[in-house]
Amino acid sequence: MEASLGGPPESVVKALSRPNRKNIGKAVGQLLSWANSQTDHALIRRSVRSMRRAIRVVQEALPDTDPELIGGFFANLLDLWETGQTLDKKLKEICNLRFPRDRGRLHDALIWVDAIQVDMASYWIGEVKKDVPKLLRALDKLEHKRRPRKQKRNLANAPSGRKRKVVQPTTAALKPANRK
């Protein structure tokens, strides 16, 4: 069972295209095994760990904000980040291609980048752009709540607004005046 560049093994595709009770279950099992083998589990663990820490920090900073907004924002951000990580891996693969032997693989990689990665990244960027203003508004509301408001002064006990003249004692009154 040799895996093609971007899809499941051909034997699985053939088995699923000609359904038969015996081989459909086996083909589905093989398809699930193939999908699991194509998953970067370390990347997923690292991504989820980062996302949990970030969500915790933002929830502490914005306690009155809808948790679904915060979670949705970070889920979209995580998907955007994972799209970038996948693109990074594809670019590393492109760097290892040898020509003219791998011209077909370069063609497939470029089509994959154009058809999938650019569209996915654009979608996730759009989703993140929707949530950022909402989170900024929540942060601004929090700032306004925490600032102490100016209190009205109780004018009955307040000193008057006029400045008082401070009279300094002078020694001029003690000296005799010079008269002519």
Protein backbone atom coordinates (compact mmCIF):
# COMPACT_ATOMS: atom_id res chain seq x y z
CA MET A 1 0.00 0.00 0.00
CA GLU A 2 1.86 3.03 -1.22
CA ALA A 3 0.47 6.41 -0.28
CA SER A 4 0.12 8.98 -3.00
CA LEU A 5 1.45 12.49 -2.43
CA GLY A 6 -1.66 14.13 -1.07
CA GLY A 7 -4.32 11.49 -0.59
CA PRO A 8 -5.10 8.14 0.94
CA PRO A 9 -3.63 4.91 -0.45
CA GLU A 10 -5.00 3.82 -3.83
CA SER A 11 -6.21 0.47 -2.49
CA VAL A 12 -8.42 2.29 0.03
CA VAL A 13 -9.83 4.57 -2.65
CA LYS A 14 -10.58 1.58 -4.92
CA ALA A 15 -12.21 -0.37 -2.10
CA LEU A 16 -14.43 2.57 -1.19
CA SER A 17 -15.34 3.29 -4.80
CA ARG A 18 -16.62 -0.29 -5.25
CA PRO A 19 -18.50 -0.90 -2.02
CA ASN A 20 -18.71 -4.49 -0.89
CA ARG A 21 -19.73 -5.58 2.58
CA LYS A 22 -16.48 -7.39 3.13
CA ASN A 23 -14.02 -4.77 2.00
CA ILE A 24 -15.86 -1.57 2.98
CA GLY A 25 -15.22 -2.08 6.70
CA LYS A 26 -11.61 -2.96 6.09
CA ALA A 27 -11.17 0.04 3.76
CA VAL A 28 -12.69 2.42 6.30
CA GLY A 29 -10.34 1.06 8.96
CA GLN A 30 -7.37 1.55 6.63
CA LEU A 31 -8.57 5.06 5.80
CA LEU A 32 -8.77 5.96 9.48
CA SER A 33 -5.31 4.50 10.10
CA TRP A 34 -3.92 6.48 7.18
CA ALA A 35 -5.54 9.71 8.42
CA ASN A 36 -4.11 9.14 11.90
CA SER A 37 -0.64 8.53 10.47
CA GLN A 38 -0.80 11.81 8.53
CA THR A 39 -1.54 13.80 11.70
CA ASP A 40 1.29 15.58 13.45
CA HIS A 41 0.43 14.70 17.05
CA ALA A 42 3.31 16.71 18.54
CA LEU A 43 2.11 19.82 16.71
CA ILE A 44 -1.42 19.31 17.98
CA ARG A 45 -0.24 18.84 21.59
CA ARG A 46 1.95 21.94 21.41
CA SER A 47 -0.86 23.96 19.84
CA VAL A 48 -3.44 22.91 22.41
CA ARG A 49 -1.05 23.60 25.30
CA SER A 50 -0.37 27.11 23.98
CA MET A 51 -4.05 27.74 23.40
CA ARG A 52 -5.03 26.66 26.92
CA ARG A 53 -2.48 29.01 28.49
CA ALA A 54 -3.57 31.91 26.30
CA ILE A 55 -7.27 31.33 27.01
CA ARG A 56 -6.60 31.23 30.75
CA VAL A 57 -4.71 34.53 30.63
CA VAL A 58 -7.37 36.30 28.56
CA GLN A 59 -10.22 34.96 30.69
CA GLU A 60 -8.49 36.30 33.80
CA ALA A 61 -7.95 39.65 32.09
CA LEU A 62 -11.54 39.86 30.79
CA PRO A 63 -13.69 38.04 33.37
CA ASP A 64 -17.01 39.52 32.16
CA THR A 65 -16.46 38.54 28.52
CA ASP A 66 -18.39 35.70 26.93
CA PRO A 67 -16.24 32.54 27.20
CA GLU A 68 -17.47 31.42 23.76
CA LEU A 69 -16.05 34.59 22.22
CA ILE A 70 -12.67 34.00 23.83
CA GLY A 71 -12.66 30.30 22.98
CA GLY A 72 -13.80 30.94 19.41
CA PHE A 73 -11.14 33.59 18.91
CA PHE A 74 -8.37 31.28 20.10
CA ALA A 75 -9.73 28.32 18.13
CA ASN A 76 -9.62 30.42 14.95
CA LEU A 77 -6.17 31.71 15.85
CA LEU A 78 -4.99 28.16 16.50
CA ASP A 79 -6.35 27.01 13.14
CA LEU A 80 -4.57 29.89 11.44
CA TRP A 81 -1.34 28.98 13.24
CA GLU A 82 -1.68 25.30 12.29
CA THR A 83 -2.29 26.31 8.67
CA GLY A 84 0.96 28.25 8.81
CA GLN A 85 2.78 25.30 10.35
CA THR A 86 1.48 23.00 7.62
CA LEU A 87 2.60 25.48 4.99
CA ASP A 88 6.01 25.64 6.66
CA LYS A 89 6.37 21.86 6.35
CA LYS A 90 5.36 21.98 2.69
CA LEU A 91 7.95 24.69 2.04
CA LYS A 92 10.62 22.53 3.68
CA GLU A 93 9.60 19.67 1.38
CA ILE A 94 9.89 21.97 -1.63
CA CYS A 95 13.41 22.91 -0.56
CA ASN A 96 14.42 19.23 -0.74
CA LEU A 97 13.12 18.64 -4.27
CA ARG A 98 15.60 17.76 -7.03
CA PHE A 99 15.04 18.80 -10.61
CA PRO A 100 14.10 17.72 -13.21
CA ARG A 101 13.15 14.53 -11.40
CA ASP A 102 10.70 16.19 -8.94
CA ARG A 103 9.02 18.62 -11.33
CA GLY A 104 5.66 16.85 -10.87
CA ARG A 105 5.94 17.01 -7.08
CA LEU A 106 6.65 20.75 -7.30
CA HIS A 107 3.59 21.19 -9.49
CA ASP A 108 1.42 19.31 -6.96
CA ALA A 109 2.86 21.30 -4.05
CA LEU A 110 2.22 24.63 -5.76
CA ILE A 111 -1.35 23.67 -6.58
CA TRP A 112 -1.86 22.51 -2.99
CA VAL A 113 -0.53 25.82 -1.65
CA ASP A 114 -2.73 27.80 -4.02
CA ALA A 115 -5.90 25.77 -3.68
CA ILE A 116 -5.86 24.88 -0.03
CA GLN A 117 -3.41 26.84 2.09
CA VAL A 118 -4.13 30.31 0.74
CA ASP A 119 -7.90 29.81 0.99
CA MET A 120 -7.64 28.34 4.48
CA ALA A 121 -5.38 31.11 5.71
CA SER A 122 -7.69 33.77 4.24
CA TYR A 123 -10.69 32.17 5.93
CA TRP A 124 -9.03 31.98 9.36
CA ILE A 125 -7.71 35.54 9.06
CA GLY A 126 -11.26 36.71 8.33
CA GLU A 127 -12.58 34.86 11.37
CA VAL A 128 -9.89 36.31 13.63
CA LYS A 129 -10.59 39.80 12.26
CA LYS A 130 -14.25 39.43 13.29
CA ASP A 131 -13.37 38.61 16.90
CA VAL A 132 -10.52 41.08 17.55
CA PRO A 133 -12.75 44.20 17.68
CA LYS A 134 -15.14 42.45 20.09
CA LEU A 135 -12.29 41.57 22.43
CA LEU A 136 -10.89 45.10 22.21
CA ARG A 137 -14.31 46.54 23.12
CA ALA A 138 -14.47 44.18 26.11
CA LEU A 139 -11.01 45.34 27.18
CA ASP A 140 -12.04 49.00 26.83
CA LYS A 141 -15.17 48.41 28.93
CA LEU A 142 -13.03 46.80 31.59
CA GLU A 143 -10.70 49.81 31.61
CA HIS A 144 -13.62 52.19 32.04
CA LYS A 145 -15.00 50.13 34.95
CA ARG A 146 -11.70 50.04 36.80
CA ARG A 147 -10.91 53.76 36.53
CA PRO A 148 -12.17 55.58 39.60
CA ARG A 149 -14.80 58.09 38.69
CA LYS A 150 -14.50 61.65 39.85
CA GLN A 151 -16.57 62.06 42.98
CA LYS A 152 -18.79 65.05 43.47
CA ARG A 153 -17.54 67.28 46.19
CA ASN A 154 -19.67 68.00 49.20
CA LEU A 155 -19.69 71.79 49.06
CA ALA A 156 -21.00 72.27 52.59
CA ASN A 157 -17.74 71.12 54.15
CA ALA A 158 -15.42 72.18 51.35
CA PRO A 159 -13.13 75.17 51.71
CA SER A 160 -14.07 78.15 49.64
CA GLY A 161 -12.58 78.50 46.20
CA ARG A 162 -11.03 81.92 46.97
CA LYS A 163 -7.43 82.17 47.89
CA ARG A 164 -6.84 83.68 51.25
CA LYS A 165 -4.32 86.42 51.68
CA VAL A 166 -1.69 85.53 54.14
CA VAL A 167 -0.64 88.56 56.07
CA GLN A 168 2.92 88.49 57.13
CA PRO A 169 3.90 90.52 60.17
CA THR A 170 6.08 93.42 59.27
CA THR A 171 8.47 95.38 61.35
CA ALA A 172 7.53 98.63 59.57
CA ALA A 173 4.84 99.42 62.10
CA LEU A 174 7.33 99.28 64.92
CA LYS A 175 9.76 101.78 63.43
CA PRO A 176 9.04 105.48 63.71
CA ALA A 177 7.93 107.03 60.52
CA ASN A 178 10.20 109.49 58.82
CA ARG A 179 8.33 112.71 58.56
CA LYS A 180 9.46 115.81 56.76
